[in-house]
Amino acid sequence: MLSEYFVIEKTPIEDVRPTVWNANAGSPADDTDLPVTLEQYKLYVEMADRVSARRGLANTFFLTLNTAIFTAIGASWKGQLTIPAWLLLFPLVALLVQCGAWFFLVRSYRQLNTAKYTVIGALEERLPASPYWNAEWKALGEGKNKAKYWSMTHLEQWVPLVFATAYLAAFIAAAAY
C-alpha cells in the first residue's frame, strides 16, 4: 500500500517498555542498577545524536549536489535546445530517482530517531529525571501544536520534493521551448 512509504507510525512506549529491560535487571525501585542505567542512557542519547548528525550530513550532501546541478543547468542553458527533447528524459529520470532516494533517506532517519527517542523515554522511567520524555516533549506540546514545535524532518522531507518538482518544470519548459 502506498501509505506504507509516506506515513510514519510511532511505536507506543507501552510496546517498548517490556523489551528494554533484561530479565536479570533489578526492579525499578532498586537503585543498584542506576549507575549502569545512567551510563547506558548517556551512550544511547549520544547514539541518537549521531543519527541526527548523519541525517544532517546526508541533507548537506544532497542539497549541495542539487544546488550544483541547478547551477550547471542555469549556466549551460542557452534558450534553444540543440538536442531532441526526449534525450532529456534520461537525466530527468536520474535526477528524480536521486530526489526519491533523498526523500526516503530522510524518512528512514526520521523513523530511526523516532524509535530511539521512544527507547530513551523508556530508559528515563528508571532515572530520577525525565528531561526528554516527560519535560521537553510536554513543553513542545507533544508535536501537536505547530506553533510550539514543527519537526525538522517534516520540513526536510519537502526539500527533495521541491527539487523534483523544479526538475520536472524545467524539463517541461525545455521541451516546450
N, C-alpha and C. Protein backbone atom coordinates (compact mmCIF):
# COMPACT_ATOMS: atom_id res chain seq x y z
N MET A 1 0.83 -1.16 0.00
CA MET A 1 0.00 0.00 0.00
C MET A 1 0.89 1.24 0.00
N LEU A 2 0.49 2.28 -0.70
CA LEU A 2 1.29 3.49 -0.86
C LEU A 2 1.54 4.21 0.46
N SER A 3 0.59 4.16 1.38
CA SER A 3 0.75 4.87 2.65
C SER A 3 1.93 4.32 3.46
N GLU A 4 2.32 3.07 3.24
CA GLU A 4 3.47 2.50 3.94
C GLU A 4 4.75 3.26 3.64
N TYR A 5 4.81 3.90 2.49
CA TYR A 5 6.02 4.60 2.08
C TYR A 5 6.04 6.05 2.55
N PHE A 6 4.90 6.59 2.92
CA PHE A 6 4.84 8.01 3.24
C PHE A 6 4.37 8.31 4.66
N VAL A 7 3.69 7.37 5.32
CA VAL A 7 3.19 7.58 6.67
C VAL A 7 4.18 6.95 7.65
N ILE A 8 4.45 7.67 8.73
CA ILE A 8 5.34 7.15 9.76
C ILE A 8 4.51 6.82 10.98
N GLU A 9 4.59 5.58 11.40
CA GLU A 9 3.87 5.15 12.59
C GLU A 9 4.83 5.15 13.76
N LYS A 10 4.39 5.74 14.86
CA LYS A 10 5.20 5.73 16.07
C LYS A 10 4.82 4.51 16.91
N THR A 11 5.82 3.86 17.45
CA THR A 11 5.59 2.74 18.35
C THR A 11 5.33 3.30 19.74
N PRO A 12 4.21 2.95 20.34
CA PRO A 12 3.93 3.47 21.69
C PRO A 12 4.95 2.96 22.70
N ILE A 13 5.24 3.79 23.68
CA ILE A 13 6.23 3.41 24.70
C ILE A 13 5.78 2.15 25.44
N GLU A 14 4.48 1.92 25.52
CA GLU A 14 3.98 0.72 26.19
C GLU A 14 4.46 -0.56 25.50
N ASP A 15 4.67 -0.48 24.18
CA ASP A 15 5.19 -1.64 23.45
C ASP A 15 6.69 -1.82 23.63
N VAL A 16 7.38 -0.73 23.94
CA VAL A 16 8.83 -0.75 24.07
C VAL A 16 9.25 -1.13 25.48
N ARG A 17 8.52 -0.65 26.44
CA ARG A 17 8.86 -0.81 27.86
C ARG A 17 9.27 -2.24 28.23
N PRO A 18 8.49 -3.27 27.86
CA PRO A 18 8.89 -4.63 28.29
C PRO A 18 10.13 -5.17 27.58
N THR A 19 10.52 -4.55 26.47
CA THR A 19 11.67 -5.07 25.73
C THR A 19 12.97 -4.37 26.07
N VAL A 20 12.91 -3.26 26.82
CA VAL A 20 14.12 -2.51 27.16
C VAL A 20 14.95 -3.23 28.20
N TRP A 21 14.29 -3.81 29.18
CA TRP A 21 15.00 -4.36 30.33
C TRP A 21 15.26 -5.85 30.17
N ASN A 22 16.45 -6.26 30.52
CA ASN A 22 16.80 -7.67 30.52
C ASN A 22 16.17 -8.35 31.74
N ALA A 23 16.02 -9.65 31.64
CA ALA A 23 15.39 -10.42 32.73
C ALA A 23 16.18 -10.31 34.03
N ASN A 24 17.49 -10.14 33.95
CA ASN A 24 18.31 -10.08 35.16
C ASN A 24 18.46 -8.67 35.72
N ALA A 25 17.79 -7.69 35.11
CA ALA A 25 17.85 -6.32 35.61
C ALA A 25 17.08 -6.22 36.91
N GLY A 26 17.51 -5.32 37.77
CA GLY A 26 16.82 -5.11 39.04
C GLY A 26 15.46 -4.47 38.83
N SER A 27 14.69 -4.41 39.87
CA SER A 27 13.37 -3.79 39.79
C SER A 27 13.54 -2.28 39.70
N PRO A 28 12.53 -1.56 39.18
CA PRO A 28 12.64 -0.11 39.08
C PRO A 28 12.90 0.57 40.42
N ALA A 29 12.44 -0.03 41.51
CA ALA A 29 12.64 0.56 42.84
C ALA A 29 14.06 0.32 43.36
N ASP A 30 14.79 -0.61 42.76
CA ASP A 30 16.13 -0.96 43.19
C ASP A 30 17.14 0.02 42.56
N ASP A 31 17.86 0.76 43.40
CA ASP A 31 18.81 1.75 42.91
C ASP A 31 20.17 1.17 42.55
N THR A 32 20.38 -0.10 42.73
CA THR A 32 21.71 -0.68 42.48
C THR A 32 22.08 -0.63 41.00
N ASP A 33 21.09 -0.70 40.12
CA ASP A 33 21.36 -0.64 38.68
C ASP A 33 21.41 0.78 38.15
N LEU A 34 21.13 1.78 38.97
CA LEU A 34 21.05 3.16 38.50
C LEU A 34 22.32 3.66 37.82
N PRO A 35 23.53 3.43 38.37
CA PRO A 35 24.73 3.91 37.68
C PRO A 35 24.90 3.28 36.29
N VAL A 36 24.61 2.00 36.18
CA VAL A 36 24.73 1.32 34.88
C VAL A 36 23.66 1.84 33.92
N THR A 37 22.46 2.01 34.43
CA THR A 37 21.37 2.54 33.60
C THR A 37 21.72 3.93 33.10
N LEU A 38 22.27 4.76 33.96
CA LEU A 38 22.66 6.11 33.57
C LEU A 38 23.73 6.08 32.48
N GLU A 39 24.71 5.21 32.60
CA GLU A 39 25.74 5.10 31.56
C GLU A 39 25.15 4.64 30.23
N GLN A 40 24.27 3.64 30.30
CA GLN A 40 23.61 3.17 29.07
C GLN A 40 22.76 4.29 28.46
N TYR A 41 22.09 5.04 29.30
CA TYR A 41 21.27 6.15 28.85
C TYR A 41 22.13 7.18 28.12
N LYS A 42 23.26 7.56 28.73
CA LYS A 42 24.14 8.55 28.11
C LYS A 42 24.66 8.06 26.76
N LEU A 43 25.03 6.80 26.71
CA LEU A 43 25.51 6.21 25.46
C LEU A 43 24.40 6.22 24.39
N TYR A 44 23.22 5.86 24.79
CA TYR A 44 22.11 5.78 23.84
C TYR A 44 21.70 7.16 23.33
N VAL A 45 21.71 8.16 24.22
CA VAL A 45 21.41 9.54 23.80
C VAL A 45 22.47 10.00 22.81
N GLU A 46 23.73 9.66 23.05
CA GLU A 46 24.81 10.01 22.13
C GLU A 46 24.59 9.35 20.77
N MET A 47 24.16 8.09 20.78
CA MET A 47 23.88 7.40 19.52
C MET A 47 22.74 8.09 18.76
N ALA A 48 21.71 8.51 19.46
CA ALA A 48 20.60 9.22 18.82
C ALA A 48 21.08 10.53 18.22
N ASP A 49 21.96 11.22 18.94
CA ASP A 49 22.51 12.47 18.44
C ASP A 49 23.35 12.23 17.19
N ARG A 50 24.07 11.13 17.15
CA ARG A 50 24.89 10.81 15.97
C ARG A 50 24.02 10.50 14.75
N VAL A 51 22.89 9.88 14.97
CA VAL A 51 21.96 9.64 13.86
C VAL A 51 21.49 10.98 13.30
N SER A 52 21.18 11.92 14.18
CA SER A 52 20.77 13.25 13.73
C SER A 52 21.90 13.93 12.96
N ALA A 53 23.11 13.78 13.42
CA ALA A 53 24.26 14.38 12.73
C ALA A 53 24.44 13.75 11.34
N ARG A 54 24.28 12.43 11.25
CA ARG A 54 24.39 11.77 9.94
C ARG A 54 23.28 12.24 9.00
N ARG A 55 22.09 12.43 9.54
CA ARG A 55 20.99 12.94 8.73
C ARG A 55 21.35 14.33 8.21
N GLY A 56 21.93 15.15 9.06
CA GLY A 56 22.34 16.49 8.64
C GLY A 56 23.40 16.43 7.54
N LEU A 57 24.34 15.53 7.66
CA LEU A 57 25.38 15.38 6.62
C LEU A 57 24.77 14.90 5.30
N ALA A 58 23.84 13.97 5.39
CA ALA A 58 23.18 13.48 4.17
C ALA A 58 22.41 14.62 3.50
N ASN A 59 21.72 15.41 4.29
CA ASN A 59 20.98 16.54 3.72
C ASN A 59 21.93 17.56 3.09
N THR A 60 23.04 17.82 3.75
CA THR A 60 24.03 18.76 3.20
C THR A 60 24.56 18.24 1.86
N PHE A 61 24.85 16.94 1.80
CA PHE A 61 25.34 16.36 0.55
C PHE A 61 24.32 16.54 -0.57
N PHE A 62 23.08 16.13 -0.32
CA PHE A 62 22.07 16.21 -1.37
C PHE A 62 21.73 17.65 -1.74
N LEU A 63 21.71 18.54 -0.76
CA LEU A 63 21.42 19.94 -1.04
C LEU A 63 22.53 20.55 -1.89
N THR A 64 23.77 20.23 -1.55
CA THR A 64 24.91 20.71 -2.34
C THR A 64 24.87 20.15 -3.75
N LEU A 65 24.60 18.85 -3.87
CA LEU A 65 24.52 18.21 -5.17
C LEU A 65 23.45 18.87 -6.04
N ASN A 66 22.27 19.05 -5.48
CA ASN A 66 21.18 19.62 -6.27
C ASN A 66 21.41 21.10 -6.59
N THR A 67 22.02 21.82 -5.69
CA THR A 67 22.37 23.22 -5.98
C THR A 67 23.38 23.29 -7.11
N ALA A 68 24.36 22.40 -7.09
CA ALA A 68 25.36 22.35 -8.17
C ALA A 68 24.70 21.99 -9.49
N ILE A 69 23.76 21.06 -9.47
CA ILE A 69 23.07 20.67 -10.70
C ILE A 69 22.27 21.85 -11.25
N PHE A 70 21.55 22.55 -10.39
CA PHE A 70 20.79 23.72 -10.84
C PHE A 70 21.71 24.81 -11.37
N THR A 71 22.85 25.00 -10.72
CA THR A 71 23.82 25.98 -11.19
C THR A 71 24.33 25.59 -12.57
N ALA A 72 24.64 24.31 -12.76
CA ALA A 72 25.12 23.83 -14.07
C ALA A 72 24.05 24.00 -15.14
N ILE A 73 22.81 23.69 -14.80
CA ILE A 73 21.72 23.86 -15.76
C ILE A 73 21.58 25.32 -16.14
N GLY A 74 21.59 26.19 -15.13
CA GLY A 74 21.45 27.63 -15.38
C GLY A 74 22.60 28.19 -16.19
N ALA A 75 23.82 27.75 -15.91
CA ALA A 75 24.99 28.25 -16.62
C ALA A 75 25.05 27.75 -18.06
N SER A 76 24.54 26.56 -18.30
CA SER A 76 24.63 26.00 -19.65
C SER A 76 23.39 26.25 -20.50
N TRP A 77 22.33 26.74 -19.90
CA TRP A 77 21.08 26.97 -20.64
C TRP A 77 21.26 28.14 -21.60
N LYS A 78 21.05 27.89 -22.86
CA LYS A 78 21.20 28.91 -23.89
C LYS A 78 19.86 29.29 -24.52
N GLY A 79 18.80 28.69 -24.07
CA GLY A 79 17.48 29.04 -24.60
C GLY A 79 16.95 27.98 -25.54
N GLN A 80 17.60 27.74 -26.63
CA GLN A 80 17.16 26.75 -27.62
C GLN A 80 17.85 25.42 -27.37
N LEU A 81 17.07 24.34 -27.46
CA LEU A 81 17.66 23.01 -27.35
C LEU A 81 18.36 22.65 -28.65
N THR A 82 19.54 22.11 -28.54
CA THR A 82 20.26 21.64 -29.72
C THR A 82 20.18 20.13 -29.85
N ILE A 83 19.51 19.49 -28.89
CA ILE A 83 19.31 18.04 -28.92
C ILE A 83 17.82 17.78 -28.84
N PRO A 84 17.39 16.60 -29.28
CA PRO A 84 15.96 16.28 -29.14
C PRO A 84 15.54 16.28 -27.66
N ALA A 85 14.35 16.79 -27.39
CA ALA A 85 13.85 16.92 -26.02
C ALA A 85 13.78 15.57 -25.31
N TRP A 86 13.50 14.50 -26.06
CA TRP A 86 13.36 13.19 -25.41
C TRP A 86 14.66 12.72 -24.77
N LEU A 87 15.80 13.22 -25.26
CA LEU A 87 17.09 12.85 -24.66
C LEU A 87 17.23 13.41 -23.25
N LEU A 88 16.46 14.44 -22.93
CA LEU A 88 16.49 14.99 -21.57
C LEU A 88 15.78 14.08 -20.56
N LEU A 89 15.04 13.10 -21.07
CA LEU A 89 14.35 12.17 -20.18
C LEU A 89 15.33 11.37 -19.31
N PHE A 90 16.48 11.01 -19.89
CA PHE A 90 17.46 10.21 -19.15
C PHE A 90 18.01 10.95 -17.94
N PRO A 91 18.51 12.20 -18.10
CA PRO A 91 18.96 12.90 -16.90
C PRO A 91 17.80 13.24 -15.96
N LEU A 92 16.61 13.49 -16.51
CA LEU A 92 15.45 13.77 -15.66
C LEU A 92 15.14 12.59 -14.76
N VAL A 93 15.11 11.40 -15.34
CA VAL A 93 14.83 10.19 -14.54
C VAL A 93 15.90 10.02 -13.47
N ALA A 94 17.16 10.22 -13.82
CA ALA A 94 18.25 10.09 -12.84
C ALA A 94 18.08 11.11 -11.71
N LEU A 95 17.72 12.33 -12.05
CA LEU A 95 17.52 13.36 -11.03
C LEU A 95 16.32 13.05 -10.14
N LEU A 96 15.24 12.55 -10.73
CA LEU A 96 14.06 12.20 -9.94
C LEU A 96 14.34 11.01 -9.02
N VAL A 97 15.11 10.04 -9.49
CA VAL A 97 15.48 8.89 -8.66
C VAL A 97 16.36 9.37 -7.50
N GLN A 98 17.28 10.28 -7.78
CA GLN A 98 18.14 10.84 -6.73
C GLN A 98 17.29 11.60 -5.71
N CYS A 99 16.31 12.37 -6.14
CA CYS A 99 15.41 13.08 -5.21
C CYS A 99 14.59 12.08 -4.39
N GLY A 100 14.15 11.01 -5.02
CA GLY A 100 13.41 9.97 -4.31
C GLY A 100 14.28 9.30 -3.25
N ALA A 101 15.53 9.03 -3.61
CA ALA A 101 16.45 8.42 -2.64
C ALA A 101 16.66 9.36 -1.46
N TRP A 102 16.80 10.63 -1.73
CA TRP A 102 16.99 11.63 -0.68
C TRP A 102 15.76 11.66 0.24
N PHE A 103 14.57 11.67 -0.35
CA PHE A 103 13.33 11.69 0.42
C PHE A 103 13.26 10.48 1.36
N PHE A 104 13.52 9.30 0.83
CA PHE A 104 13.40 8.09 1.65
C PHE A 104 14.54 7.95 2.65
N LEU A 105 15.69 8.53 2.36
CA LEU A 105 16.78 8.53 3.33
C LEU A 105 16.41 9.39 4.54
N VAL A 106 15.86 10.58 4.29
CA VAL A 106 15.40 11.44 5.38
C VAL A 106 14.31 10.74 6.17
N ARG A 107 13.41 10.07 5.47
CA ARG A 107 12.31 9.34 6.13
C ARG A 107 12.87 8.23 7.02
N SER A 108 13.86 7.52 6.52
CA SER A 108 14.47 6.44 7.29
C SER A 108 15.14 6.98 8.56
N TYR A 109 15.88 8.08 8.42
CA TYR A 109 16.49 8.69 9.60
C TYR A 109 15.42 9.14 10.59
N ARG A 110 14.34 9.65 10.09
CA ARG A 110 13.24 10.08 10.97
C ARG A 110 12.66 8.89 11.73
N GLN A 111 12.44 7.79 11.04
CA GLN A 111 11.93 6.58 11.69
C GLN A 111 12.90 6.08 12.76
N LEU A 112 14.18 6.06 12.42
CA LEU A 112 15.19 5.58 13.34
C LEU A 112 15.24 6.45 14.60
N ASN A 113 15.23 7.76 14.42
CA ASN A 113 15.27 8.63 15.59
C ASN A 113 13.98 8.56 16.41
N THR A 114 12.84 8.39 15.76
CA THR A 114 11.58 8.24 16.49
C THR A 114 11.66 7.03 17.41
N ALA A 115 12.18 5.93 16.89
CA ALA A 115 12.33 4.73 17.71
C ALA A 115 13.35 4.95 18.83
N LYS A 116 14.46 5.59 18.51
CA LYS A 116 15.49 5.83 19.53
C LYS A 116 14.95 6.68 20.68
N TYR A 117 14.18 7.70 20.35
CA TYR A 117 13.67 8.56 21.42
C TYR A 117 12.56 7.88 22.22
N THR A 118 11.88 6.93 21.65
CA THR A 118 10.93 6.13 22.43
C THR A 118 11.67 5.26 23.43
N VAL A 119 12.77 4.66 22.99
CA VAL A 119 13.59 3.85 23.90
C VAL A 119 14.20 4.74 24.98
N ILE A 120 14.64 5.94 24.60
CA ILE A 120 15.17 6.88 25.60
C ILE A 120 14.10 7.18 26.65
N GLY A 121 12.86 7.34 26.21
CA GLY A 121 11.77 7.56 27.16
C GLY A 121 11.61 6.40 28.12
N ALA A 122 11.72 5.19 27.62
CA ALA A 122 11.62 4.01 28.49
C ALA A 122 12.78 3.96 29.47
N LEU A 123 13.97 4.32 29.03
CA LEU A 123 15.13 4.35 29.94
C LEU A 123 14.94 5.42 31.01
N GLU A 124 14.39 6.56 30.62
CA GLU A 124 14.20 7.66 31.58
C GLU A 124 13.23 7.29 32.69
N GLU A 125 12.40 6.30 32.47
CA GLU A 125 11.46 5.89 33.52
C GLU A 125 12.19 5.33 34.75
N ARG A 126 13.41 4.88 34.56
CA ARG A 126 14.18 4.36 35.68
C ARG A 126 15.20 5.36 36.22
N LEU A 127 15.21 6.55 35.65
CA LEU A 127 16.12 7.59 36.12
C LEU A 127 15.35 8.59 36.98
N PRO A 128 16.06 9.34 37.82
CA PRO A 128 15.37 10.30 38.69
C PRO A 128 14.66 11.41 37.93
N ALA A 129 15.14 11.75 36.75
CA ALA A 129 14.52 12.82 35.95
C ALA A 129 14.22 12.29 34.56
N SER A 130 13.28 12.94 33.91
CA SER A 130 12.91 12.57 32.54
C SER A 130 12.91 13.84 31.68
N PRO A 131 14.12 14.33 31.35
CA PRO A 131 14.19 15.60 30.62
C PRO A 131 13.60 15.56 29.21
N TYR A 132 13.77 14.45 28.52
CA TYR A 132 13.23 14.38 27.15
C TYR A 132 11.77 13.95 27.17
N TRP A 133 11.55 12.77 27.68
CA TRP A 133 10.24 12.13 27.51
C TRP A 133 9.12 12.90 28.19
N ASN A 134 9.31 13.31 29.43
CA ASN A 134 8.23 13.99 30.14
C ASN A 134 8.33 15.50 30.08
N ALA A 135 9.51 16.06 30.15
CA ALA A 135 9.65 17.51 30.25
C ALA A 135 9.69 18.20 28.88
N GLU A 136 10.71 17.91 28.08
CA GLU A 136 10.87 18.61 26.81
C GLU A 136 9.69 18.35 25.87
N TRP A 137 9.31 17.11 25.75
CA TRP A 137 8.24 16.75 24.83
C TRP A 137 6.92 17.39 25.25
N LYS A 138 6.67 17.45 26.54
CA LYS A 138 5.46 18.12 27.04
C LYS A 138 5.54 19.62 26.76
N ALA A 139 6.73 20.21 26.99
CA ALA A 139 6.92 21.65 26.75
C ALA A 139 6.71 22.00 25.28
N LEU A 140 6.97 21.04 24.40
CA LEU A 140 6.77 21.26 22.96
C LEU A 140 5.36 20.90 22.51
N GLY A 141 4.49 20.60 23.44
CA GLY A 141 3.11 20.26 23.09
C GLY A 141 2.97 18.91 22.45
N GLU A 142 3.95 18.04 22.66
CA GLU A 142 3.97 16.69 22.10
C GLU A 142 3.82 16.67 20.58
N GLY A 143 4.27 17.73 19.95
CA GLY A 143 4.22 17.81 18.49
C GLY A 143 2.85 18.07 17.91
N LYS A 144 1.87 18.35 18.74
CA LYS A 144 0.50 18.54 18.27
C LYS A 144 0.22 19.98 17.84
N ASN A 145 0.99 20.92 18.35
CA ASN A 145 0.78 22.33 18.06
C ASN A 145 1.96 22.84 17.24
N LYS A 146 1.73 23.13 15.95
CA LYS A 146 2.81 23.55 15.06
C LYS A 146 3.39 24.90 15.47
N ALA A 147 2.65 25.70 16.24
CA ALA A 147 3.18 26.97 16.72
C ALA A 147 4.25 26.75 17.78
N LYS A 148 4.19 25.62 18.49
CA LYS A 148 5.19 25.31 19.51
C LYS A 148 6.35 24.50 18.94
N TYR A 149 6.03 23.59 18.04
CA TYR A 149 7.09 22.71 17.53
C TYR A 149 6.68 22.11 16.20
N TRP A 150 7.58 22.21 15.26
CA TRP A 150 7.38 21.58 13.97
C TRP A 150 8.65 20.80 13.69
N SER A 151 8.52 19.50 13.63
CA SER A 151 9.67 18.62 13.47
C SER A 151 10.48 18.99 12.23
N MET A 152 11.80 19.06 12.42
CA MET A 152 12.69 19.40 11.32
C MET A 152 12.57 18.41 10.17
N THR A 153 12.35 17.14 10.47
CA THR A 153 12.27 16.16 9.39
C THR A 153 11.02 16.35 8.55
N HIS A 154 9.97 16.95 9.11
CA HIS A 154 8.80 17.27 8.28
C HIS A 154 9.21 18.26 7.20
N LEU A 155 9.99 19.26 7.59
CA LEU A 155 10.46 20.25 6.62
C LEU A 155 11.48 19.64 5.67
N GLU A 156 12.39 18.83 6.22
CA GLU A 156 13.44 18.23 5.40
C GLU A 156 12.87 17.35 4.29
N GLN A 157 11.75 16.71 4.55
CA GLN A 157 11.17 15.83 3.53
C GLN A 157 10.57 16.61 2.37
N TRP A 158 10.28 17.88 2.57
CA TRP A 158 9.74 18.69 1.48
C TRP A 158 10.81 19.12 0.48
N VAL A 159 12.05 19.27 0.93
CA VAL A 159 13.11 19.79 0.07
C VAL A 159 13.35 18.91 -1.16
N PRO A 160 13.48 17.57 -1.03
CA PRO A 160 13.66 16.76 -2.24
C PRO A 160 12.45 16.84 -3.17
N LEU A 161 11.26 16.98 -2.60
CA LEU A 161 10.06 17.10 -3.43
C LEU A 161 10.05 18.42 -4.20
N VAL A 162 10.54 19.46 -3.57
CA VAL A 162 10.63 20.76 -4.26
C VAL A 162 11.63 20.67 -5.41
N PHE A 163 12.78 20.06 -5.16
CA PHE A 163 13.76 19.90 -6.24
C PHE A 163 13.19 19.02 -7.36
N ALA A 164 12.51 17.94 -7.04
CA ALA A 164 11.93 17.07 -8.07
C ALA A 164 10.91 17.84 -8.90
N THR A 165 10.10 18.65 -8.26
CA THR A 165 9.11 19.47 -8.98
C THR A 165 9.81 20.47 -9.89
N ALA A 166 10.88 21.07 -9.39
CA ALA A 166 11.64 22.03 -10.21
C ALA A 166 12.27 21.34 -11.42
N TYR A 167 12.78 20.14 -11.23
CA TYR A 167 13.35 19.40 -12.36
C TYR A 167 12.28 19.07 -13.40
N LEU A 168 11.13 18.66 -12.94
CA LEU A 168 10.02 18.38 -13.86
C LEU A 168 9.60 19.63 -14.63
N ALA A 169 9.49 20.74 -13.91
CA ALA A 169 9.11 22.01 -14.55
C ALA A 169 10.15 22.45 -15.56
N ALA A 170 11.43 22.30 -15.22
CA ALA A 170 12.49 22.66 -16.16
C ALA A 170 12.45 21.77 -17.40
N PHE A 171 12.19 20.48 -17.21
CA PHE A 171 12.08 19.59 -18.35
C PHE A 171 10.93 20.00 -19.26
N ILE A 172 9.77 20.28 -18.68
CA ILE A 172 8.59 20.68 -19.46
C ILE A 172 8.88 21.99 -20.18
N ALA A 173 9.52 22.95 -19.51
CA ALA A 173 9.84 24.22 -20.14
C ALA A 173 10.82 24.03 -21.29
N ALA A 174 11.83 23.18 -21.08
CA ALA A 174 12.83 22.95 -22.13
C ALA A 174 12.20 22.23 -23.32
N ALA A 175 11.32 21.27 -23.04
CA ALA A 175 10.68 20.52 -24.12
C ALA A 175 9.70 21.38 -24.90
N ALA A 176 9.05 22.31 -24.22
CA ALA A 176 8.06 23.18 -24.88
C ALA A 176 8.72 24.35 -25.59
N TYR A 177 9.94 24.68 -25.26
CA TYR A 177 10.61 25.85 -25.79
C TYR A 177 11.08 25.67 -27.18
